[in-house]
PDB file of N, CA and C in Angstrom:
ATOM      1  N   MET A   1       1.027  -0.974  -0.085  1.00  0.00           N
ATOM      2  CA  MET A   1      -0.069  -0.268  -0.330  1.00  0.00           C
ATOM      3  C   MET A   1       0.783   1.186  -0.169  1.00  0.00           C
ATOM      4  N   ASN A   2       0.829   2.190  -1.149  1.00  0.00           N
ATOM      5  CA  ASN A   2       1.121   3.396  -0.958  1.00  0.00           C
ATOM      6  C   ASN A   2       1.126   4.010   0.439  1.00  0.00           C
ATOM      7  N   GLU A   3       2.109   4.491   1.294  1.00  0.00           N
ATOM      8  CA  GLU A   3       1.724   4.993   2.204  1.00  0.00           C
ATOM      9  C   GLU A   3       1.476   6.339   2.638  1.00  0.00           C
ATOM     10  N   LYS A   4       1.950   7.372   1.537  1.00  0.00           N
ATOM     11  CA  LYS A   4       1.201   8.519   1.693  1.00  0.00           C
ATOM     12  C   LYS A   4      -0.433   8.544   1.349  1.00  0.00           C
ATOM     13  N   PHE A   5      -1.167   7.280   1.107  1.00  0.00           N
ATOM     14  CA  PHE A   5      -2.160   7.938   0.917  1.00  0.00           C
ATOM     15  C   PHE A   5      -3.120   6.592   1.668  1.00  0.00           C
ATOM     16  N   SER A   6      -2.644   5.787   2.430  1.00  0.00           N
ATOM     17  CA  SER A   6      -2.769   4.756   3.704  1.00  0.00           C
ATOM     18  C   SER A   6      -4.325   5.401   3.789  1.00  0.00           C
ATOM     19  N   LYS A   7      -4.260   6.580   4.665  1.00  0.00           N
ATOM     20  CA  LYS A   7      -5.450   7.245   4.948  1.00  0.00           C
ATOM     21  C   LYS A   7      -6.686   7.201   4.839  1.00  0.00           C
ATOM     22  N   GLU A   8      -5.922   7.606   3.371  1.00  0.00           N
ATOM     23  CA  GLU A   8      -7.461   7.628   2.135  1.00  0.00           C
ATOM     24  C   GLU A   8      -7.566   6.285   1.696  1.00  0.00           C
ATOM     25  N   ILE A   9      -6.874   6.000   2.131  1.00  0.00           N
ATOM     26  CA  ILE A   9      -7.638   5.063   0.808  1.00  0.00           C
ATOM     27  C   ILE A   9      -8.313   3.512   2.255  1.00  0.00           C
ATOM     28  N   ALA A  10      -8.034   4.316   3.823  1.00  0.00           N
ATOM     29  CA  ALA A  10      -9.385   3.622   4.584  1.00  0.00           C
ATOM     30  C   ALA A  10     -10.513   4.732   4.827  1.00  0.00           C
ATOM     31  N   ARG A  11     -10.404   5.860   4.270  1.00  0.00           N
ATOM     32  CA  ARG A  11     -11.396   6.597   4.512  1.00  0.00           C
ATOM     33  C   ARG A  11     -12.262   6.604   3.191  1.00  0.00           C
ATOM     34  N   MET A  12     -11.720   5.907   2.066  1.00  0.00           N
ATOM     35  CA  MET A  12     -12.368   5.296   1.043  1.00  0.00           C
ATOM     36  C   MET A  12     -13.318   3.892   0.797  1.00  0.00           C
ATOM     37  N   ARG A  13     -12.756   3.149   1.679  1.00  0.00           N
ATOM     38  CA  ARG A  13     -13.219   1.953   2.217  1.00  0.00           C
ATOM     39  C   ARG A  13     -14.465   2.452   3.047  1.00  0.00           C
ATOM     40  N   ARG A  14     -14.363   3.941   3.790  1.00  0.00           N
ATOM     41  CA  ARG A  14     -15.250   4.014   4.466  1.00  0.00           C
ATOM     42  C   ARG A  14     -16.931   4.229   3.613  1.00  0.00           C
ATOM     43  N   ILE A  15     -16.085   5.484   2.686  1.00  0.00           N
ATOM     44  CA  ILE A  15     -17.078   5.853   1.820  1.00  0.00           C
ATOM     45  C   ILE A  15     -17.739   4.675   0.928  1.00  0.00           C
ATOM     46  N   GLU A  16     -17.020   3.397  -0.075  1.00  0.00           N
ATOM     47  CA  GLU A  16     -17.789   2.413   0.046  1.00  0.00           C
ATOM     48  C   GLU A  16     -18.743   2.005   1.045  1.00  0.00           C
ATOM     49  N   GLY A  17     -18.702   1.797   2.477  1.00  0.00           N
ATOM     50  CA  GLY A  17     -19.171   1.258   3.075  1.00  0.00           C
ATOM     51  C   GLY A  17     -21.071   2.078   3.026  1.00  0.00           C
ATOM     52  N   GLN A  18     -20.236   3.382   2.946  1.00  0.00           N
ATOM     53  CA  GLN A  18     -21.453   3.986   3.040  1.00  0.00           C
ATOM     54  C   GLN A  18     -22.240   3.868   2.046  1.00  0.00           C
ATOM     55  N   ALA A  19     -21.965   3.702   0.331  1.00  0.00           N
ATOM     56  CA  ALA A  19     -22.575   3.985  -0.655  1.00  0.00           C
ATOM     57  C   ALA A  19     -23.455   2.027  -0.716  1.00  0.00           C
ATOM     58  N   ARG A  20     -22.595   1.199   0.077  1.00  0.00           N
ATOM     59  CA  ARG A  20     -23.422  -0.130   0.108  1.00  0.00           C
ATOM     60  C   ARG A  20     -24.598   0.069   0.838  1.00  0.00           C
ATOM     61  N   GLY A  21     -24.099   1.431   2.216  1.00  0.00           N
ATOM     62  CA  GLY A  21     -25.615   0.961   3.159  1.00  0.00           C
ATOM     63  C   GLY A  21     -26.583   2.101   2.262  1.00  0.00           C
ATOM     64  N   ILE A  22     -25.942   3.194   1.975  1.00  0.00           N
ATOM     65  CA  ILE A  22     -27.574   3.540   1.002  1.00  0.00           C
ATOM     66  C   ILE A  22     -28.184   2.662  -0.164  1.00  0.00           C
ATOM     67  N   ALA A  23     -27.553   1.775  -1.074  1.00  0.00           N
ATOM     68  CA  ALA A  23     -28.105   0.999  -1.824  1.00  0.00           C
ATOM     69  C   ALA A  23     -29.140   0.226  -0.800  1.00  0.00           C
ATOM     70  N   LYS A  24     -28.699  -0.500  -0.039  1.00  0.00           N
ATOM     71  CA  LYS A  24     -29.709  -1.262   1.513  1.00  0.00           C
ATOM     72  C   LYS A  24     -30.620  -0.575   1.604  1.00  0.00           C
ATOM     73  N   MET A  25     -30.509   0.603   2.096  1.00  0.00           N
ATOM     74  CA  MET A  25     -31.352   1.549   2.087  1.00  0.00           C
ATOM     75  C   MET A  25     -32.876   1.834   1.156  1.00  0.00           C
ATOM     76  N   MET A  26     -32.608   1.907   0.642  1.00  0.00           N
ATOM     77  CA  MET A  26     -33.162   2.336  -0.957  1.00  0.00           C
ATOM     78  C   MET A  26     -33.638   0.723  -1.373  1.00  0.00           C
ATOM     79  N   GLU A  27     -33.206  -0.152  -1.699  1.00  0.00           N
ATOM     80  CA  GLU A  27     -33.719  -1.609  -1.656  1.00  0.00           C
ATOM     81  C   GLU A  27     -34.870  -2.115  -0.168  1.00  0.00           C
ATOM     82  N   GLU A  28     -34.718  -1.436   0.915  1.00  0.00           N
ATOM     83  CA  GLU A  28     -35.580  -1.978   2.004  1.00  0.00           C
ATOM     84  C   GLU A  28     -36.438  -0.560   1.618  1.00  0.00           C
ATOM     85  N   GLY A  29     -36.632   0.750   0.758  1.00  0.00           N
ATOM     86  CA  GLY A  29     -37.512   1.533   0.605  1.00  0.00           C
ATOM     87  C   GLY A  29     -37.954   2.138   1.704  1.00  0.00           C
ATOM     88  N   ARG A  30     -36.531   2.809   2.780  1.00  0.00           N
ATOM     89  CA  ARG A  30     -36.471   3.576   3.644  1.00  0.00           C
ATOM     90  C   ARG A  30     -36.992   5.162   3.092  1.00  0.00           C
ATOM     91  N   TYR A  31     -37.284   5.681   4.459  1.00  0.00           N
ATOM     92  CA  TYR A  31     -38.011   7.421   4.141  1.00  0.00           C
ATOM     93  C   TYR A  31     -36.731   7.640   3.173  1.00  0.00           C
ATOM     94  N   CYS A  32     -37.282   9.070   2.472  1.00  0.00           N
ATOM     95  CA  CYS A  32     -36.236   9.416   1.356  1.00  0.00           C
ATOM     96  C   CYS A  32     -35.521  10.461   1.827  1.00  0.00           C
ATOM     97  N   ILE A  33     -35.939  11.102   2.849  1.00  0.00           N
ATOM     98  CA  ILE A  33     -35.316  12.310   3.524  1.00  0.00           C
ATOM     99  C   ILE A  33     -34.063  11.803   3.897  1.00  0.00           C
ATOM    100  N   ASP A  34     -34.329  10.085   4.407  1.00  0.00           N
ATOM    101  CA  ASP A  34     -33.188   9.344   5.798  1.00  0.00           C
ATOM    102  C   ASP A  34     -32.024   9.077   4.687  1.00  0.00           C
ATOM    103  N   ILE A  35     -32.302   8.939   3.157  1.00  0.00           N
ATOM    104  CA  ILE A  35     -31.530   8.506   2.142  1.00  0.00           C
ATOM    105  C   ILE A  35     -30.520   9.450   2.022  1.00  0.00           C
ATOM    106  N   ILE A  36     -31.263  10.661   2.010  1.00  0.00           N
ATOM    107  CA  ILE A  36     -30.791  11.900   1.001  1.00  0.00           C
ATOM    108  C   ILE A  36     -29.964  12.417   2.146  1.00  0.00           C
ATOM    109  N   ASN A  37     -30.688  11.931   2.716  1.00  0.00           N
ATOM    110  CA  ASN A  37     -28.815  13.163   4.396  1.00  0.00           C
ATOM    111  C   ASN A  37     -27.874  11.904   4.604  1.00  0.00           C
ATOM    112  N   GLN A  38     -28.147  10.439   4.675  1.00  0.00           N
ATOM    113  CA  GLN A  38     -27.204   9.624   3.960  1.00  0.00           C
ATOM    114  C   GLN A  38     -25.956  10.453   2.560  1.00  0.00           C
ATOM    115  N   MET A  39     -26.432  10.178   1.601  1.00  0.00           N
ATOM    116  CA  MET A  39     -25.834  10.435   0.614  1.00  0.00           C
ATOM    117  C   MET A  39     -25.256  12.190   0.815  1.00  0.00           C
ATOM    118  N   THR A  40     -25.816  12.898   1.666  1.00  0.00           N
ATOM    119  CA  THR A  40     -25.076  13.798   2.084  1.00  0.00           C
ATOM    120  C   THR A  40     -23.894  13.828   2.449  1.00  0.00           C
ATOM    121  N   ALA A  41     -23.785  13.090   3.646  1.00  0.00           N
ATOM    122  CA  ALA A  41     -22.707  12.763   4.412  1.00  0.00           C
ATOM    123  C   ALA A  41     -21.974  11.900   3.647  1.00  0.00           C
ATOM    124  N   MET A  42     -22.337  11.017   2.710  1.00  0.00           N
ATOM    125  CA  MET A  42     -20.925  10.346   1.789  1.00  0.00           C
ATOM    126  C   MET A  42     -20.324  11.314   0.553  1.00  0.00           C
ATOM    127  N   GLU A  43     -21.371  12.402  -0.079  1.00  0.00           N
ATOM    128  CA  GLU A  43     -20.597  13.645  -0.586  1.00  0.00           C
ATOM    129  C   GLU A  43     -19.655  14.048   0.502  1.00  0.00           C
ATOM    130  N   ALA A  44     -19.909  14.453   1.474  1.00  0.00           N
ATOM    131  CA  ALA A  44     -19.333  15.424   2.159  1.00  0.00           C
ATOM    132  C   ALA A  44     -17.978  14.752   2.727  1.00  0.00           C
ATOM    133  N   ALA A  45     -17.834  13.464   3.193  1.00  0.00           N
ATOM    134  CA  ALA A  45     -16.901  12.640   3.204  1.00  0.00           C
ATOM    135  C   ALA A  45     -15.769  12.116   1.927  1.00  0.00           C
ATOM    136  N   LEU A  46     -16.883  12.076   0.441  1.00  0.00           N
ATOM    137  CA  LEU A  46     -15.891  12.599  -0.517  1.00  0.00           C
ATOM    138  C   LEU A  46     -15.153  13.241  -0.657  1.00  0.00           C
ATOM    139  N   ARG A  47     -15.905  14.625  -0.516  1.00  0.00           N
ATOM    140  CA  ARG A  47     -15.061  16.498  -1.060  1.00  0.00           C
ATOM    141  C   ARG A  47     -13.840  16.285   0.354  1.00  0.00           C
ATOM    142  N   SER A  48     -13.600  15.808   1.676  1.00  0.00           N
ATOM    143  CA  SER A  48     -13.011  15.755   2.294  1.00  0.00           C
ATOM    144  C   SER A  48     -11.564  15.058   2.003  1.00  0.00           C
ATOM    145  N   ALA A  49     -11.737  14.079   1.239  1.00  0.00           N
ATOM    146  CA  ALA A  49     -10.879  12.928   0.596  1.00  0.00           C
ATOM    147  C   ALA A  49     -10.418  13.562  -0.535  1.00  0.00           C
ATOM    148  N   LYS A  50     -10.786  14.007  -1.135  1.00  0.00           N
ATOM    149  CA  LYS A  50     -10.517  14.817  -2.587  1.00  0.00           C
ATOM    150  C   LYS A  50      -9.718  15.704  -1.944  1.00  0.00           C
ATOM    151  N   ALA A  51      -9.944  17.106  -1.001  1.00  0.00           N
ATOM    152  CA  ALA A  51      -8.812  18.047  -0.726  1.00  0.00           C
ATOM    153  C   ALA A  51      -7.908  17.070   0.382  1.00  0.00           C
ATOM    154  N   LYS A  52      -7.797  16.176   0.306  1.00  0.00           N
ATOM    155  CA  LYS A  52      -6.831  15.812   1.099  1.00  0.00           C
ATOM    156  C   LYS A  52      -5.532  15.098  -0.177  1.00  0.00           C
ATOM    157  N   ILE A  53      -6.566  14.367  -1.282  1.00  0.00           N
ATOM    158  CA  ILE A  53      -5.973  13.774  -2.561  1.00  0.00           C
ATOM    159  C   ILE A  53      -4.880  15.422  -2.157  1.00  0.00           C
ATOM    160  N   LEU A  54      -5.406  16.656  -3.124  1.00  0.00           N
ATOM    161  CA  LEU A  54      -4.978  17.593  -3.866  1.00  0.00           C
ATOM    162  C   LEU A  54      -3.690  18.087  -2.643  1.00  0.00           C
ATOM    163  N   SER A  55      -4.205  18.020  -1.703  1.00  0.00           N
ATOM    164  CA  SER A  55      -3.219  18.200  -0.939  1.00  0.00           C
ATOM    165  C   SER A  55      -1.853  17.528  -0.792  1.00  0.00           C
ATOM    166  N   ILE A  56      -2.012  16.222  -0.890  1.00  0.00           N
ATOM    167  CA  ILE A  56      -0.642  15.150  -0.819  1.00  0.00           C
ATOM    168  C   ILE A  56      -0.052  15.706  -1.802  1.00  0.00           C
ATOM    169  N   HIS A  57      -0.963  16.055  -3.407  1.00  0.00           N
ATOM    170  CA  HIS A  57      -0.332  16.567  -4.462  1.00  0.00           C
ATOM    171  C   HIS A  57       0.478  17.252  -4.724  1.00  0.00           C
ATOM    172  N   ALA A  58       0.015  18.813  -3.583  1.00  0.00           N
ATOM    173  CA  ALA A  58       0.571  19.364  -3.493  1.00  0.00           C
ATOM    174  C   ALA A  58       1.700  19.619  -3.041  1.00  0.00           C
ATOM    175  N   ALA A  59       1.692  18.396  -1.962  1.00  0.00           N
ATOM    176  CA  ALA A  59       3.010  18.770  -1.191  1.00  0.00           C
ATOM    177  C   ALA A  59       3.861  17.555  -1.929  1.00  0.00           C
ATOM    178  N   HIS A  60       3.511  16.506  -2.434  1.00  0.00           N
ATOM    179  CA  HIS A  60       4.937  16.156  -3.006  1.00  0.00           C
ATOM    180  C   HIS A  60       4.817  16.400  -4.714  1.00  0.00           C
ATOM    181  N   CYS A  61       4.205  16.125  -4.961  1.00  0.00           N
ATOM    182  CA  CYS A  61       4.125  16.365  -7.086  1.00  0.00           C
ATOM    183  C   CYS A  61       4.499  17.773  -6.944  1.00  0.00           C
ATOM    184  N   ILE A  62       3.677  18.754  -7.232  1.00  0.00           N
ATOM    185  CA  ILE A  62       4.041  20.121  -6.961  1.00  0.00           C
ATOM    186  C   ILE A  62       4.924  20.481  -6.723  1.00  0.00           C
ATOM    187  N   GLU A  63       5.571  20.179  -4.993  1.00  0.00           N
ATOM    188  CA  GLU A  63       6.934  20.415  -4.983  1.00  0.00           C
ATOM    189  C   GLU A  63       8.122  19.980  -5.478  1.00  0.00           C
ATOM    190  N   ASP A  64       7.880  18.757  -5.451  1.00  0.00           N
ATOM    191  CA  ASP A  64       8.969  18.192  -6.730  1.00  0.00           C
ATOM    192  C   ASP A  64       9.645  18.644  -7.778  1.00  0.00           C
ATOM    193  N   ALA A  65       8.411  19.219  -8.632  1.00  0.00           N
ATOM    194  CA  ALA A  65       8.242  19.970  -9.827  1.00  0.00           C
ATOM    195  C   ALA A  65       9.458  21.229  -9.207  1.00  0.00           C
ATOM    196  N   VAL A  66       8.925  22.345  -8.772  1.00  0.00           N
ATOM    197  CA  VAL A  66       9.868  23.312  -8.216  1.00  0.00           C
ATOM    198  C   VAL A  66      11.042  23.169  -7.675  1.00  0.00           C
ATOM    199  N   GLN A  67      11.504  22.183  -6.931  1.00  0.00           N
ATOM    200  CA  GLN A  67      12.766  21.840  -6.423  1.00  0.00           C
ATOM    201  C   GLN A  67      13.202  21.705  -7.604  1.00  0.00           C
ATOM    202  N   ASN A  68      13.025  20.360  -8.591  1.00  0.00           N
ATOM    203  CA  ASN A  68      14.249  19.970  -9.267  1.00  0.00           C
ATOM    204  C   ASN A  68      14.045  20.761 -10.562  1.00  0.00           C
ATOM    205  N   GLY A  69      13.913  22.547 -10.794  1.00  0.00           N
ATOM    206  CA  GLY A  69      13.805  23.871 -11.969  1.00  0.00           C
ATOM    207  C   GLY A  69      13.533  23.036 -13.073  1.00  0.00           C
ATOM    208  N   ASP A  70      12.994  21.624 -13.123  1.00  0.00           N
ATOM    209  CA  ASP A  70      12.220  21.173 -14.423  1.00  0.00           C
ATOM    210  C   ASP A  70      10.723  22.587 -14.575  1.00  0.00           C
ATOM    211  N   SER A  71      11.092  23.175 -15.865  1.00  0.00           N
ATOM    212  CA  SER A  71      10.163  24.084 -16.210  1.00  0.00           C
ATOM    213  C   SER A  71       8.577  23.723 -17.039  1.00  0.00           C
ATOM    214  N   ALA A  72       9.356  22.402 -17.679  1.00  0.00           N
ATOM    215  CA  ALA A  72       8.424  21.672 -18.609  1.00  0.00           C
ATOM    216  C   ALA A  72       7.433  21.406 -17.554  1.00  0.00           C
ATOM    217  N   GLU A  73       8.015  20.366 -16.573  1.00  0.00           N
ATOM    218  CA  GLU A  73       7.213  19.917 -15.474  1.00  0.00           C
ATOM    219  C   GLU A  73       6.624  20.884 -14.044  1.00  0.00           C
ATOM    220  N   GLN A  74       7.124  21.862 -14.416  1.00  0.00           N
ATOM    221  CA  GLN A  74       6.390  22.919 -13.623  1.00  0.00           C
ATOM    222  C   GLN A  74       5.053  23.142 -14.229  1.00  0.00           C
ATOM    223  N   ARG A  75       5.213  23.526 -15.407  1.00  0.00           N
ATOM    224  CA  ARG A  75       3.973  23.975 -16.750  1.00  0.00           C
ATOM    225  C   ARG A  75       3.198  22.784 -16.438  1.00  0.00           C
ATOM    226  N   GLN A  76       3.709  21.444 -16.528  1.00  0.00           N
ATOM    227  CA  GLN A  76       2.351  20.661 -16.621  1.00  0.00           C
ATOM    228  C   GLN A  76       2.040  20.074 -15.343  1.00  0.00           C
ATOM    229  N   LYS A  77       2.732  20.448 -14.031  1.00  0.00           N
ATOM    230  CA  LYS A  77       1.717  20.259 -13.143  1.00  0.00           C
ATOM    231  C   LYS A  77       0.608  21.528 -12.417  1.00  0.00           C
ATOM    232  N   PHE A  78       1.384  23.256 -13.174  1.00  0.00           N
ATOM    233  CA  PHE A  78       0.410  23.553 -13.012  1.00  0.00           C
ATOM    234  C   PHE A  78      -1.184  23.751 -13.855  1.00  0.00           C
ATOM    235  N   ASP A  79      -0.658  23.369 -15.148  1.00  0.00           N
ATOM    236  CA  ASP A  79      -1.662  23.111 -15.797  1.00  0.00           C
ATOM    237  C   ASP A  79      -3.192  22.047 -15.747  1.00  0.00           C
ATOM    238  N   GLU A  80      -2.325  21.241 -15.475  1.00  0.00           N
ATOM    239  CA  GLU A  80      -3.593  19.839 -14.410  1.00  0.00           C
ATOM    240  C   GLU A  80      -4.072  20.618 -13.229  1.00  0.00           C
ATOM    241  N   LEU A  81      -3.626  21.518 -12.438  1.00  0.00           N
ATOM    242  CA  LEU A  81      -4.812  22.310 -11.411  1.00  0.00           C
ATOM    243  C   LEU A  81      -6.089  23.380 -12.144  1.00  0.00           C
ATOM    244  N   ILE A  82      -5.120  23.514 -12.758  1.00  0.00           N
ATOM    245  CA  ILE A  82      -5.607  24.434 -13.624  1.00  0.00           C
ATOM    246  C   ILE A  82      -6.867  23.843 -14.236  1.00  0.00           C
ATOM    247  N   ASN A  83      -6.980  22.360 -15.035  1.00  0.00           N
ATOM    248  CA  ASN A  83      -7.729  22.054 -15.557  1.00  0.00           C
ATOM    249  C   ASN A  83      -8.832  21.301 -14.599  1.00  0.00           C
ATOM    250  N   LEU A  84      -8.214  21.265 -13.384  1.00  0.00           N
ATOM    251  CA  LEU A  84      -8.507  20.227 -12.154  1.00  0.00           C
ATOM    252  C   LEU A  84      -9.893  21.186 -11.461  1.00  0.00           C
ATOM    253  N   PHE A  85      -9.325  22.935 -11.523  1.00  0.00           N
ATOM    254  CA  PHE A  85     -10.118  23.392 -10.381  1.00  0.00           C
ATOM    255  C   PHE A  85     -11.395  23.737 -11.727  1.00  0.00           C
ATOM    256  N   GLY A  86     -11.527  23.712 -12.742  1.00  0.00           N
ATOM    257  CA  GLY A  86     -12.049  23.836 -13.789  1.00  0.00           C
ATOM    258  C   GLY A  86     -12.932  22.703 -13.495  1.00  0.00           C
ATOM    259  N   LYS A  87     -12.527  21.525 -13.662  1.00  0.00           N
ATOM    260  CA  LYS A  87     -13.437  20.624 -13.634  1.00  0.00           C
ATOM    261  C   LYS A  87     -14.509  20.580 -11.953  1.00  0.00           C
ATOM    262  N   VAL A  88     -13.952  21.052 -11.247  1.00  0.00           N
ATOM    263  CA  VAL A  88     -14.626  21.702  -9.941  1.00  0.00           C
ATOM    264  C   VAL A  88     -15.610  22.117 -10.184  1.00  0.00           C
ATOM    265  N   GLY A  89     -15.279  23.537 -10.430  1.00  0.00           N
ATOM    266  CA  GLY A  89     -16.359  24.616 -10.526  1.00  0.00           C
ATOM    267  C   GLY A  89     -17.576  24.204 -11.169  1.00  0.00           C
ATOM    268  N   ARG A  90     -17.453  22.750 -12.209  1.00  0.00           N
ATOM    269  CA  ARG A  90     -18.448  22.908 -12.757  1.00  0.00           C
ATOM    270  C   ARG A  90     -19.630  22.111 -11.910  1.00  0.00           C
TER     271      ARG A  90
END
């Protein structure tokens, strides 16, 4: 297991469990508001995991590109972030 992602892998497994739980609630015909509340909690957990992965990316990948002085790699990392923020904004 990649050490830098170990906590986020565990978080993703919990989110996976939440998704299964929501599907089960739907199969059981549970109250819609309860289902939506669980979906909202899962979305919040996913946003938190995404923010942490972005932080890891900044701390490792981008920092490496800046430190090694490779302007092409720096440009690539910058472009990746711009594209990511464009997707997030949609």
